[in-house]
Amino acid sequence: MDLEPIFEQMHSGQIYYPSEPKLMVKQFRHLNKLRFFNATPCSPLGYALRTFLLKKMFAEVGEGCYIEPPFYANWGGKHVHFGKNVYANFHLTCVDDTHIYVGDNTMIGPNVTLVTAAHPVSPALREKAYQYNKPVRIGKNCWLGANVTVLPGVQIGDNSVIGAGSVVTKDIPANVVAVGVPAKVLRPITDQDDAVYDKVQRIPPKLFL
């Protein structure tokens, strides 16, 4: 069976059947790389192995990226694109049935879920396990707090912060703090954020040198 039509459906928002046997064989190959990643030891050798494996697993991965295992991904990271110096804490889940883009210097807290896959509301189609996918795009220098969920098709602008436990259902602009379920913009990021942290603690100017 020619899988190209299915891949086209996967990456263009069309409804498709994700459990086609030949498609699943390809998916399993990528998931086996993920198993090796999660089995690496906590040691300098394990760190080196994880760095090596990410380059084999991901669509793109820049220098200085690190993911704390365990890490989970539907396609083992095949459709995940990381810029430079991206850090992800424990239990990152990427539902990467289509592409996920994460910009340089973004920090991802523990138990974050980035979702590209969705299912029709139609009971008849869900019974047949059909799905469709929409890409997720996260900008540069963002911070996603613990337990954040980003839903299909969402874009988050550069420098923005998503508060812990938020569910991001719609696009978030650049340079804001957004929180809640669903996530909404709480406030802009301003020059005051370069002067204090934790509301009242002064930031030493030397940290910016």
N, C-alpha and C. Protein backbone atom coordinates (compact mmCIF):
# COMPACT_ATOMS: atom_id res chain seq x y z
N MET A 1 0.84 -1.21 0.00
CA MET A 1 0.00 0.00 0.00
C MET A 1 0.87 1.25 0.00
N ASP A 2 0.57 2.22 -0.85
CA ASP A 2 1.27 3.49 -0.89
C ASP A 2 0.79 4.35 0.28
N LEU A 3 1.73 4.70 1.19
CA LEU A 3 1.36 5.46 2.38
C LEU A 3 1.37 6.97 2.16
N GLU A 4 1.84 7.42 1.01
CA GLU A 4 1.94 8.86 0.78
C GLU A 4 0.59 9.58 0.92
N PRO A 5 -0.52 9.01 0.40
CA PRO A 5 -1.81 9.70 0.60
C PRO A 5 -2.17 9.85 2.08
N ILE A 6 -1.83 8.85 2.90
CA ILE A 6 -2.12 8.94 4.34
C ILE A 6 -1.25 10.01 4.99
N PHE A 7 0.04 10.05 4.62
CA PHE A 7 0.90 11.08 5.16
C PHE A 7 0.40 12.48 4.79
N GLU A 8 -0.10 12.62 3.57
CA GLU A 8 -0.67 13.89 3.15
C GLU A 8 -1.86 14.26 4.02
N GLN A 9 -2.71 13.28 4.32
CA GLN A 9 -3.86 13.53 5.19
C GLN A 9 -3.41 13.89 6.60
N MET A 10 -2.39 13.19 7.10
CA MET A 10 -1.90 13.44 8.46
C MET A 10 -1.46 14.89 8.64
N HIS A 11 -0.83 15.45 7.61
CA HIS A 11 -0.20 16.76 7.75
C HIS A 11 -0.98 17.90 7.11
N SER A 12 -2.22 17.62 6.72
CA SER A 12 -3.02 18.68 6.08
C SER A 12 -4.38 18.87 6.74
N GLY A 13 -4.59 18.28 7.90
CA GLY A 13 -5.84 18.47 8.62
C GLY A 13 -7.00 17.63 8.15
N GLN A 14 -6.75 16.69 7.24
CA GLN A 14 -7.82 15.84 6.73
C GLN A 14 -8.08 14.67 7.69
N ILE A 15 -9.30 14.18 7.66
CA ILE A 15 -9.63 12.99 8.45
C ILE A 15 -8.99 11.77 7.82
N TYR A 16 -8.40 10.94 8.66
CA TYR A 16 -7.75 9.72 8.16
C TYR A 16 -7.85 8.63 9.22
N TYR A 17 -7.45 7.42 8.83
CA TYR A 17 -7.50 6.27 9.73
C TYR A 17 -6.08 5.97 10.22
N PRO A 18 -5.77 6.25 11.51
CA PRO A 18 -4.40 6.14 12.00
C PRO A 18 -3.93 4.72 12.28
N SER A 19 -4.82 3.75 12.25
CA SER A 19 -4.45 2.38 12.59
C SER A 19 -4.28 1.49 11.38
N GLU A 20 -4.07 2.09 10.21
CA GLU A 20 -3.76 1.30 9.03
C GLU A 20 -2.49 0.49 9.31
N PRO A 21 -2.52 -0.84 9.14
CA PRO A 21 -1.40 -1.68 9.59
C PRO A 21 -0.03 -1.25 9.09
N LYS A 22 0.11 -0.90 7.82
CA LYS A 22 1.43 -0.52 7.31
C LYS A 22 1.89 0.81 7.90
N LEU A 23 0.94 1.69 8.18
CA LEU A 23 1.29 2.95 8.84
C LEU A 23 1.79 2.68 10.26
N MET A 24 1.15 1.77 10.94
CA MET A 24 1.55 1.44 12.31
C MET A 24 2.92 0.79 12.37
N VAL A 25 3.27 0.00 11.34
CA VAL A 25 4.62 -0.59 11.30
C VAL A 25 5.68 0.50 11.29
N LYS A 26 5.45 1.55 10.49
CA LYS A 26 6.40 2.67 10.45
C LYS A 26 6.43 3.39 11.79
N GLN A 27 5.27 3.56 12.39
CA GLN A 27 5.18 4.23 13.69
C GLN A 27 5.94 3.45 14.76
N PHE A 28 5.81 2.13 14.75
CA PHE A 28 6.49 1.30 15.75
C PHE A 28 8.00 1.43 15.66
N ARG A 29 8.53 1.59 14.46
CA ARG A 29 9.97 1.76 14.30
C ARG A 29 10.47 2.99 15.05
N HIS A 30 9.70 4.06 14.97
CA HIS A 30 10.08 5.28 15.67
C HIS A 30 9.87 5.14 17.18
N LEU A 31 8.85 4.43 17.57
CA LEU A 31 8.59 4.23 19.00
C LEU A 31 9.68 3.38 19.65
N ASN A 32 10.30 2.48 18.90
CA ASN A 32 11.39 1.68 19.46
C ASN A 32 12.60 2.55 19.79
N LYS A 33 12.86 3.60 18.99
CA LYS A 33 13.93 4.54 19.33
C LYS A 33 13.61 5.25 20.64
N LEU A 34 12.34 5.58 20.82
CA LEU A 34 11.91 6.24 22.06
C LEU A 34 12.14 5.34 23.27
N ARG A 35 11.92 4.04 23.12
CA ARG A 35 12.16 3.10 24.21
C ARG A 35 13.63 3.13 24.63
N PHE A 36 14.53 3.16 23.64
CA PHE A 36 15.96 3.24 23.96
C PHE A 36 16.27 4.53 24.72
N PHE A 37 15.68 5.64 24.28
CA PHE A 37 15.91 6.93 24.93
C PHE A 37 15.53 6.86 26.41
N ASN A 38 14.36 6.33 26.70
CA ASN A 38 13.88 6.29 28.07
C ASN A 38 14.62 5.28 28.94
N ALA A 39 15.35 4.37 28.32
CA ALA A 39 16.10 3.35 29.07
C ALA A 39 17.54 3.76 29.34
N THR A 40 17.96 4.95 28.87
CA THR A 40 19.34 5.36 29.07
C THR A 40 19.62 5.63 30.55
N PRO A 41 20.85 5.35 31.01
CA PRO A 41 21.17 5.51 32.44
C PRO A 41 21.35 6.97 32.84
N CYS A 42 21.23 7.22 34.14
CA CYS A 42 21.50 8.55 34.69
C CYS A 42 23.00 8.66 34.95
N SER A 43 23.73 9.07 33.94
CA SER A 43 25.18 9.14 34.00
C SER A 43 25.66 10.02 32.85
N PRO A 44 26.95 10.42 32.87
CA PRO A 44 27.47 11.17 31.71
C PRO A 44 27.29 10.41 30.39
N LEU A 45 27.46 9.09 30.43
CA LEU A 45 27.23 8.30 29.22
C LEU A 45 25.78 8.38 28.79
N GLY A 46 24.85 8.28 29.75
CA GLY A 46 23.44 8.37 29.43
C GLY A 46 23.08 9.72 28.83
N TYR A 47 23.68 10.78 29.36
CA TYR A 47 23.45 12.12 28.81
C TYR A 47 23.89 12.18 27.35
N ALA A 48 25.06 11.64 27.08
CA ALA A 48 25.57 11.63 25.70
C ALA A 48 24.69 10.80 24.79
N LEU A 49 24.21 9.67 25.29
CA LEU A 49 23.33 8.81 24.48
C LEU A 49 22.02 9.52 24.15
N ARG A 50 21.46 10.22 25.14
CA ARG A 50 20.20 10.92 24.90
C ARG A 50 20.38 12.02 23.87
N THR A 51 21.50 12.74 23.95
CA THR A 51 21.77 13.78 22.96
C THR A 51 21.87 13.18 21.56
N PHE A 52 22.55 12.06 21.46
CA PHE A 52 22.69 11.38 20.17
C PHE A 52 21.34 10.89 19.66
N LEU A 53 20.55 10.28 20.53
CA LEU A 53 19.28 9.71 20.12
C LEU A 53 18.28 10.78 19.68
N LEU A 54 18.28 11.92 20.36
CA LEU A 54 17.36 12.98 19.96
C LEU A 54 17.59 13.40 18.52
N LYS A 55 18.85 13.42 18.10
CA LYS A 55 19.16 13.80 16.72
C LYS A 55 18.65 12.76 15.73
N LYS A 56 18.53 11.51 16.18
CA LYS A 56 18.00 10.46 15.33
C LYS A 56 16.47 10.41 15.36
N MET A 57 15.89 10.81 16.48
CA MET A 57 14.45 10.69 16.70
C MET A 57 13.66 11.86 16.12
N PHE A 58 14.19 13.09 16.29
CA PHE A 58 13.42 14.29 15.97
C PHE A 58 13.55 14.69 14.51
N ALA A 59 12.55 15.41 14.03
CA ALA A 59 12.65 16.00 12.70
C ALA A 59 13.78 17.01 12.65
N GLU A 60 13.89 17.82 13.72
CA GLU A 60 14.97 18.79 13.87
C GLU A 60 15.26 18.95 15.35
N VAL A 61 16.53 19.11 15.69
CA VAL A 61 16.89 19.41 17.08
C VAL A 61 18.17 20.24 17.07
N GLY A 62 18.11 21.43 17.67
CA GLY A 62 19.25 22.31 17.70
C GLY A 62 20.25 21.93 18.78
N GLU A 63 21.36 22.63 18.81
CA GLU A 63 22.38 22.37 19.81
C GLU A 63 21.88 22.79 21.19
N GLY A 64 22.34 22.05 22.20
CA GLY A 64 22.04 22.41 23.57
C GLY A 64 20.67 22.01 24.06
N CYS A 65 19.95 21.18 23.34
CA CYS A 65 18.62 20.73 23.78
C CYS A 65 18.75 19.57 24.75
N TYR A 66 17.81 19.50 25.70
CA TYR A 66 17.82 18.38 26.65
C TYR A 66 16.40 18.08 27.10
N ILE A 67 16.06 16.80 27.15
CA ILE A 67 14.77 16.33 27.65
C ILE A 67 15.03 15.35 28.78
N GLU A 68 14.44 15.62 29.93
CA GLU A 68 14.54 14.68 31.05
C GLU A 68 13.64 13.47 30.76
N PRO A 69 14.18 12.25 30.79
CA PRO A 69 13.30 11.09 30.64
C PRO A 69 12.49 10.86 31.93
N PRO A 70 11.32 10.25 31.83
CA PRO A 70 10.74 9.70 30.61
C PRO A 70 10.08 10.77 29.73
N PHE A 71 10.16 10.50 28.45
CA PHE A 71 9.57 11.35 27.40
C PHE A 71 8.64 10.47 26.58
N TYR A 72 7.51 11.02 26.16
CA TYR A 72 6.53 10.24 25.41
C TYR A 72 6.15 10.98 24.13
N ALA A 73 5.99 10.24 23.04
CA ALA A 73 5.57 10.85 21.77
C ALA A 73 4.93 9.78 20.90
N ASN A 74 3.81 10.13 20.28
CA ASN A 74 3.08 9.17 19.45
C ASN A 74 3.93 8.59 18.33
N TRP A 75 4.76 9.45 17.75
CA TRP A 75 5.65 9.02 16.66
C TRP A 75 7.11 9.10 17.09
N GLY A 76 7.36 9.02 18.38
CA GLY A 76 8.73 8.99 18.88
C GLY A 76 9.51 10.25 18.62
N GLY A 77 8.82 11.36 18.32
CA GLY A 77 9.49 12.62 18.02
C GLY A 77 9.75 12.87 16.55
N LYS A 78 9.30 11.97 15.69
CA LYS A 78 9.56 12.11 14.25
C LYS A 78 9.07 13.44 13.69
N HIS A 79 8.01 13.98 14.25
CA HIS A 79 7.42 15.22 13.73
C HIS A 79 7.64 16.40 14.68
N VAL A 80 8.64 16.28 15.56
CA VAL A 80 8.94 17.35 16.52
C VAL A 80 10.16 18.13 16.05
N HIS A 81 10.06 19.46 16.10
CA HIS A 81 11.13 20.36 15.66
C HIS A 81 11.53 21.24 16.85
N PHE A 82 12.72 21.06 17.38
CA PHE A 82 13.24 21.90 18.46
C PHE A 82 14.31 22.83 17.92
N GLY A 83 14.27 24.10 18.36
CA GLY A 83 15.36 25.01 18.07
C GLY A 83 16.54 24.73 18.99
N LYS A 84 17.34 25.74 19.28
CA LYS A 84 18.51 25.59 20.13
C LYS A 84 18.13 25.78 21.60
N ASN A 85 18.84 25.05 22.47
CA ASN A 85 18.76 25.26 23.92
C ASN A 85 17.35 25.13 24.48
N VAL A 86 16.58 24.20 23.93
CA VAL A 86 15.26 23.89 24.49
C VAL A 86 15.44 22.90 25.62
N TYR A 87 14.80 23.17 26.76
CA TYR A 87 14.85 22.26 27.91
C TYR A 87 13.44 21.81 28.24
N ALA A 88 13.27 20.50 28.43
CA ALA A 88 11.98 19.94 28.83
C ALA A 88 12.17 19.06 30.06
N ASN A 89 11.40 19.31 31.08
CA ASN A 89 11.47 18.53 32.31
C ASN A 89 10.74 17.19 32.14
N PHE A 90 10.65 16.44 33.24
CA PHE A 90 10.10 15.08 33.21
C PHE A 90 8.69 15.02 32.61
N HIS A 91 8.43 13.91 31.92
CA HIS A 91 7.09 13.55 31.44
C HIS A 91 6.54 14.52 30.39
N LEU A 92 7.40 15.03 29.53
CA LEU A 92 6.88 15.74 28.36
C LEU A 92 6.19 14.74 27.45
N THR A 93 4.97 15.07 27.02
CA THR A 93 4.23 14.25 26.07
C THR A 93 3.97 15.05 24.81
N CYS A 94 4.46 14.55 23.68
CA CYS A 94 4.21 15.17 22.38
C CYS A 94 3.33 14.24 21.55
N VAL A 95 2.09 14.62 21.38
CA VAL A 95 1.19 13.86 20.51
C VAL A 95 1.51 14.34 19.09
N ASP A 96 2.60 13.77 18.54
CA ASP A 96 3.19 14.32 17.31
C ASP A 96 2.72 13.60 16.05
N ASP A 97 1.41 13.47 15.90
CA ASP A 97 0.88 12.88 14.68
C ASP A 97 1.05 13.82 13.49
N THR A 98 1.21 15.10 13.76
CA THR A 98 1.74 16.04 12.78
C THR A 98 2.75 16.91 13.51
N HIS A 99 3.15 18.02 12.91
CA HIS A 99 4.36 18.72 13.35
C HIS A 99 4.14 19.58 14.60
N ILE A 100 5.15 19.56 15.46
CA ILE A 100 5.24 20.40 16.66
C ILE A 100 6.53 21.20 16.53
N TYR A 101 6.43 22.53 16.64
CA TYR A 101 7.59 23.41 16.52
C TYR A 101 7.81 24.14 17.85
N VAL A 102 9.03 24.08 18.37
CA VAL A 102 9.38 24.75 19.62
C VAL A 102 10.63 25.59 19.36
N GLY A 103 10.54 26.90 19.64
CA GLY A 103 11.63 27.82 19.31
C GLY A 103 12.78 27.78 20.30
N ASP A 104 13.87 28.46 19.92
CA ASP A 104 15.09 28.51 20.73
C ASP A 104 14.81 28.97 22.17
N ASN A 105 15.56 28.37 23.10
CA ASN A 105 15.61 28.82 24.50
C ASN A 105 14.28 28.70 25.25
N THR A 106 13.38 27.89 24.74
CA THR A 106 12.11 27.67 25.43
C THR A 106 12.28 26.65 26.53
N MET A 107 11.63 26.90 27.67
CA MET A 107 11.65 25.98 28.82
C MET A 107 10.28 25.35 28.99
N ILE A 108 10.27 24.05 29.19
CA ILE A 108 9.02 23.29 29.31
C ILE A 108 9.03 22.57 30.65
N GLY A 109 8.05 22.86 31.49
CA GLY A 109 7.98 22.27 32.82
C GLY A 109 7.55 20.82 32.81
N PRO A 110 7.52 20.18 33.99
CA PRO A 110 7.14 18.77 34.06
C PRO A 110 5.67 18.55 33.70
N ASN A 111 5.41 17.39 33.11
CA ASN A 111 4.05 16.94 32.80
C ASN A 111 3.32 17.83 31.79
N VAL A 112 4.07 18.43 30.89
CA VAL A 112 3.46 19.23 29.83
C VAL A 112 3.05 18.32 28.67
N THR A 113 1.91 18.63 28.05
CA THR A 113 1.40 17.86 26.92
C THR A 113 1.14 18.78 25.74
N LEU A 114 1.77 18.46 24.61
CA LEU A 114 1.59 19.20 23.37
C LEU A 114 0.84 18.30 22.40
N VAL A 115 -0.37 18.68 22.03
CA VAL A 115 -1.29 17.79 21.31
C VAL A 115 -1.54 18.30 19.90
N THR A 116 -1.33 17.44 18.90
CA THR A 116 -1.70 17.80 17.53
C THR A 116 -2.91 17.02 17.03
N ALA A 117 -3.24 15.91 17.66
CA ALA A 117 -4.30 15.02 17.16
C ALA A 117 -5.65 15.34 17.77
N ALA A 118 -6.69 15.23 16.96
CA ALA A 118 -8.06 15.43 17.41
C ALA A 118 -8.95 14.40 16.73
N HIS A 119 -10.17 14.27 17.25
CA HIS A 119 -11.13 13.31 16.70
C HIS A 119 -12.45 14.01 16.42
N PRO A 120 -13.17 13.58 15.40
CA PRO A 120 -14.47 14.18 15.12
C PRO A 120 -15.43 14.00 16.29
N VAL A 121 -16.32 14.96 16.46
CA VAL A 121 -17.36 14.82 17.49
C VAL A 121 -18.35 13.74 17.09
N SER A 122 -18.53 13.49 15.80
CA SER A 122 -19.47 12.48 15.30
C SER A 122 -19.23 11.13 15.97
N PRO A 123 -20.21 10.58 16.70
CA PRO A 123 -20.03 9.27 17.32
C PRO A 123 -19.73 8.17 16.31
N ALA A 124 -20.34 8.26 15.13
CA ALA A 124 -20.13 7.22 14.13
C ALA A 124 -18.68 7.20 13.65
N LEU A 125 -18.08 8.38 13.47
CA LEU A 125 -16.69 8.43 13.02
C LEU A 125 -15.71 8.09 14.15
N ARG A 126 -16.03 8.51 15.37
CA ARG A 126 -15.15 8.16 16.50
C ARG A 126 -15.16 6.66 16.75
N GLU A 127 -16.32 6.03 16.54
CA GLU A 127 -16.41 4.58 16.70
C GLU A 127 -15.46 3.87 15.75
N LYS A 128 -15.19 4.48 14.61
CA LYS A 128 -14.27 3.90 13.62
C LYS A 128 -12.84 4.40 13.81
N ALA A 129 -12.63 5.20 14.87
CA ALA A 129 -11.28 5.65 15.29
C ALA A 129 -10.62 6.60 14.29
N TYR A 130 -11.41 7.37 13.55
CA TYR A 130 -10.82 8.36 12.66
C TYR A 130 -10.28 9.54 13.46
N GLN A 131 -9.29 10.23 12.88
CA GLN A 131 -8.76 11.42 13.53
C GLN A 131 -8.28 12.41 12.48
N TYR A 132 -7.93 13.61 12.94
CA TYR A 132 -7.30 14.62 12.09
C TYR A 132 -6.31 15.37 12.97
N ASN A 133 -5.34 16.04 12.33
CA ASN A 133 -4.25 16.66 13.07
C ASN A 133 -4.07 18.12 12.67
N LYS A 134 -3.61 18.93 13.64
CA LYS A 134 -3.30 20.34 13.39
C LYS A 134 -2.00 20.67 14.12
N PRO A 135 -1.05 21.33 13.46
CA PRO A 135 0.26 21.56 14.08
C PRO A 135 0.21 22.52 15.26
N VAL A 136 1.20 22.39 16.14
CA VAL A 136 1.39 23.27 17.29
C VAL A 136 2.68 24.04 17.07
N ARG A 137 2.65 25.35 17.34
CA ARG A 137 3.84 26.19 17.18
C ARG A 137 4.06 27.02 18.45
N ILE A 138 5.23 26.83 19.05
CA ILE A 138 5.60 27.56 20.25
C ILE A 138 6.84 28.39 19.91
N GLY A 139 6.80 29.68 20.25
CA GLY A 139 7.85 30.59 19.83
C GLY A 139 9.14 30.45 20.61
N LYS A 140 10.03 31.41 20.40
CA LYS A 140 11.32 31.43 21.07
C LYS A 140 11.19 31.97 22.50
N ASN A 141 12.04 31.45 23.38
CA ASN A 141 12.18 31.99 24.73
C ASN A 141 10.87 31.98 25.51
N CYS A 142 10.04 30.98 25.27
CA CYS A 142 8.80 30.82 26.04
C CYS A 142 9.06 29.98 27.29
N TRP A 143 8.12 30.02 28.21
CA TRP A 143 8.17 29.17 29.40
C TRP A 143 6.77 28.59 29.60
N LEU A 144 6.68 27.27 29.52
CA LEU A 144 5.43 26.56 29.79
C LEU A 144 5.55 25.92 31.16
N GLY A 145 4.72 26.34 32.11
CA GLY A 145 4.78 25.83 33.47
C GLY A 145 4.31 24.39 33.57
N ALA A 146 4.45 23.84 34.76
CA ALA A 146 4.09 22.45 35.00
C ALA A 146 2.63 22.18 34.64
N ASN A 147 2.40 21.02 34.03
CA ASN A 147 1.05 20.52 33.73
C ASN A 147 0.28 21.37 32.72
N VAL A 148 0.98 22.11 31.89
CA VAL A 148 0.32 22.85 30.80
C VAL A 148 -0.05 21.88 29.69
N THR A 149 -1.22 22.11 29.10
CA THR A 149 -1.65 21.37 27.91
C THR A 149 -1.89 22.36 26.77
N VAL A 150 -1.29 22.08 25.62
CA VAL A 150 -1.48 22.91 24.43
C VAL A 150 -2.23 22.08 23.40
N LEU A 151 -3.37 22.58 22.94
CA LEU A 151 -4.26 21.82 22.08
C LEU A 151 -3.93 22.02 20.60
N PRO A 152 -4.48 21.16 19.72
CA PRO A 152 -4.15 21.20 18.29
C PRO A 152 -4.38 22.57 17.65
N GLY A 153 -3.43 22.95 16.79
CA GLY A 153 -3.57 24.17 16.01
C GLY A 153 -3.17 25.45 16.72
N VAL A 154 -2.74 25.36 17.99
CA VAL A 154 -2.43 26.55 18.77
C VAL A 154 -1.04 27.08 18.44
N GLN A 155 -0.90 28.41 18.45
CA GLN A 155 0.39 29.08 18.33
C GLN A 155 0.61 29.96 19.56
N ILE A 156 1.83 29.92 20.11
CA ILE A 156 2.20 30.73 21.25
C ILE A 156 3.37 31.62 20.81
N GLY A 157 3.23 32.93 21.01
CA GLY A 157 4.22 33.88 20.52
C GLY A 157 5.49 33.90 21.35
N ASP A 158 6.54 34.50 20.78
CA ASP A 158 7.84 34.58 21.43
C ASP A 158 7.75 35.22 22.82
N ASN A 159 8.58 34.71 23.74
CA ASN A 159 8.78 35.26 25.09
C ASN A 159 7.60 35.07 26.04
N SER A 160 6.52 34.47 25.60
CA SER A 160 5.35 34.37 26.46
C SER A 160 5.49 33.26 27.50
N VAL A 161 4.80 33.46 28.62
CA VAL A 161 4.80 32.53 29.75
C VAL A 161 3.40 31.98 29.91
N ILE A 162 3.29 30.66 30.01
CA ILE A 162 2.00 30.00 30.24
C ILE A 162 2.02 29.43 31.65
N GLY A 163 1.12 29.89 32.50
CA GLY A 163 1.11 29.49 33.90
C GLY A 163 0.79 28.03 34.10
N ALA A 164 1.29 27.49 35.20
CA ALA A 164 1.11 26.07 35.53
C ALA A 164 -0.35 25.68 35.52
N GLY A 165 -0.63 24.50 34.95
CA GLY A 165 -1.97 23.95 34.93
C GLY A 165 -2.89 24.51 33.87
N SER A 166 -2.39 25.42 33.05
CA SER A 166 -3.24 26.03 32.03
C SER A 166 -3.52 25.08 30.87
N VAL A 167 -4.66 25.29 30.23
CA VAL A 167 -5.02 24.57 29.01
C VAL A 167 -5.15 25.60 27.91
N VAL A 168 -4.25 25.53 26.94
CA VAL A 168 -4.18 26.56 25.88
C VAL A 168 -5.01 26.07 24.70
N THR A 169 -6.17 26.69 24.52
CA THR A 169 -7.10 26.28 23.47
C THR A 169 -7.07 27.20 22.26
N LYS A 170 -6.52 28.42 22.43
CA LYS A 170 -6.46 29.40 21.35
C LYS A 170 -5.08 30.04 21.33
N ASP A 171 -4.76 30.72 20.22
CA ASP A 171 -3.45 31.35 20.08
C ASP A 171 -3.19 32.36 21.20
N ILE A 172 -1.91 32.42 21.62
CA ILE A 172 -1.47 33.37 22.63
C ILE A 172 -0.43 34.28 21.97
N PRO A 173 -0.56 35.60 22.09
CA PRO A 173 0.40 36.49 21.43
C PRO A 173 1.77 36.48 22.10
N ALA A 174 2.72 37.16 21.50
CA ALA A 174 4.06 37.28 22.07
C ALA A 174 4.06 38.22 23.28
N ASN A 175 5.04 37.99 24.17
CA ASN A 175 5.34 38.93 25.27
C ASN A 175 4.19 39.13 26.25
N VAL A 176 3.54 38.02 26.62
CA VAL A 176 2.47 38.09 27.62
C VAL A 176 2.60 36.92 28.59
N VAL A 177 1.91 37.08 29.74
CA VAL A 177 1.69 35.99 30.67
C VAL A 177 0.24 35.55 30.51
N ALA A 178 0.02 34.26 30.29
CA ALA A 178 -1.34 33.73 30.12
C ALA A 178 -1.55 32.58 31.09
N VAL A 179 -2.73 32.52 31.68
CA VAL A 179 -3.03 31.47 32.66
C VAL A 179 -4.49 31.07 32.53
N GLY A 180 -4.80 29.87 33.07
CA GLY A 180 -6.19 29.48 33.22
C GLY A 180 -6.64 28.35 32.33
N VAL A 181 -7.91 27.96 32.55
CA VAL A 181 -8.55 26.91 31.78
C VAL A 181 -9.90 27.45 31.31
N PRO A 182 -9.98 27.87 30.04
CA PRO A 182 -8.90 27.94 29.05
C PRO A 182 -7.96 29.10 29.35
N ALA A 183 -6.73 29.02 28.83
CA ALA A 183 -5.74 30.05 29.08
C ALA A 183 -6.15 31.38 28.45
N LYS A 184 -6.01 32.45 29.25
CA LYS A 184 -6.28 33.80 28.77
C LYS A 184 -5.12 34.71 29.18
N VAL A 185 -4.90 35.76 28.41
CA VAL A 185 -3.82 36.69 28.72
C VAL A 185 -4.11 37.38 30.05
N LEU A 186 -3.16 37.27 30.98
CA LEU A 186 -3.27 37.91 32.29
C LEU A 186 -2.71 39.33 32.26
N ARG A 187 -1.53 39.45 31.60
CA ARG A 187 -0.88 40.76 31.54
C ARG A 187 0.24 40.72 30.52
N PRO A 188 0.71 41.89 30.07
CA PRO A 188 1.89 41.92 29.21
C PRO A 188 3.16 41.74 30.03
N ILE A 189 4.23 41.31 29.38
CA ILE A 189 5.55 41.32 29.98
C ILE A 189 6.16 42.70 29.72
N THR A 190 6.64 43.38 30.79
CA THR A 190 7.11 44.76 30.68
C THR A 190 8.53 44.88 31.22
N ASP A 191 9.08 46.10 31.17
CA ASP A 191 10.41 46.37 31.72
C ASP A 191 10.48 46.07 33.21
N GLN A 192 9.35 46.15 33.88
CA GLN A 192 9.33 45.85 35.32
C GLN A 192 9.76 44.41 35.59
N ASP A 193 9.52 43.53 34.64
CA ASP A 193 9.92 42.13 34.81
C ASP A 193 11.43 41.94 34.74
N ASP A 194 12.16 42.96 34.26
CA ASP A 194 13.62 42.95 34.31
C ASP A 194 14.15 43.56 35.59
N ALA A 195 13.24 44.12 36.40
CA ALA A 195 13.66 44.77 37.65
C ALA A 195 13.39 43.91 38.88
N VAL A 196 12.28 43.16 38.87
CA VAL A 196 11.93 42.33 40.03
C VAL A 196 11.46 40.96 39.57
N TYR A 197 11.60 39.98 40.46
CA TYR A 197 11.04 38.65 40.24
C TYR A 197 10.25 38.26 41.48
N ASP A 198 9.36 37.32 41.32
CA ASP A 198 8.50 36.90 42.44
C ASP A 198 7.83 38.11 43.09
N LYS A 199 7.40 39.04 42.27
CA LYS A 199 6.60 40.23 42.64
C LYS A 199 7.40 41.35 43.30
N VAL A 200 8.29 41.00 44.28
CA VAL A 200 8.96 42.07 45.03
C VAL A 200 10.47 41.90 45.13
N GLN A 201 11.02 40.76 44.72
CA GLN A 201 12.45 40.52 44.86
C GLN A 201 13.22 41.26 43.76
N ARG A 202 14.23 42.05 44.19
CA ARG A 202 15.01 42.82 43.23
C ARG A 202 15.95 41.92 42.45
N ILE A 203 16.08 42.17 41.17
CA ILE A 203 17.01 41.41 40.31
C ILE A 203 18.34 42.17 40.25
N PRO A 204 19.45 41.55 40.62
CA PRO A 204 20.75 42.23 40.52
C PRO A 204 21.06 42.58 39.07
N PRO A 205 21.39 43.84 38.79
CA PRO A 205 21.69 44.24 37.40
C PRO A 205 22.80 43.42 36.76
N LYS A 206 23.73 42.91 37.56
CA LYS A 206 24.85 42.17 37.00
C LYS A 206 24.41 40.89 36.27
N LEU A 207 23.19 40.41 36.57
CA LEU A 207 22.71 39.19 35.90
C LEU A 207 22.47 39.43 34.42
N PHE A 208 22.31 40.67 34.01
CA PHE A 208 22.04 40.98 32.60
C PHE A 208 23.32 41.24 31.81
N LEU A 209 24.48 41.25 32.49
CA LEU A 209 25.74 41.51 31.81
C LEU A 209 26.20 40.29 31.02
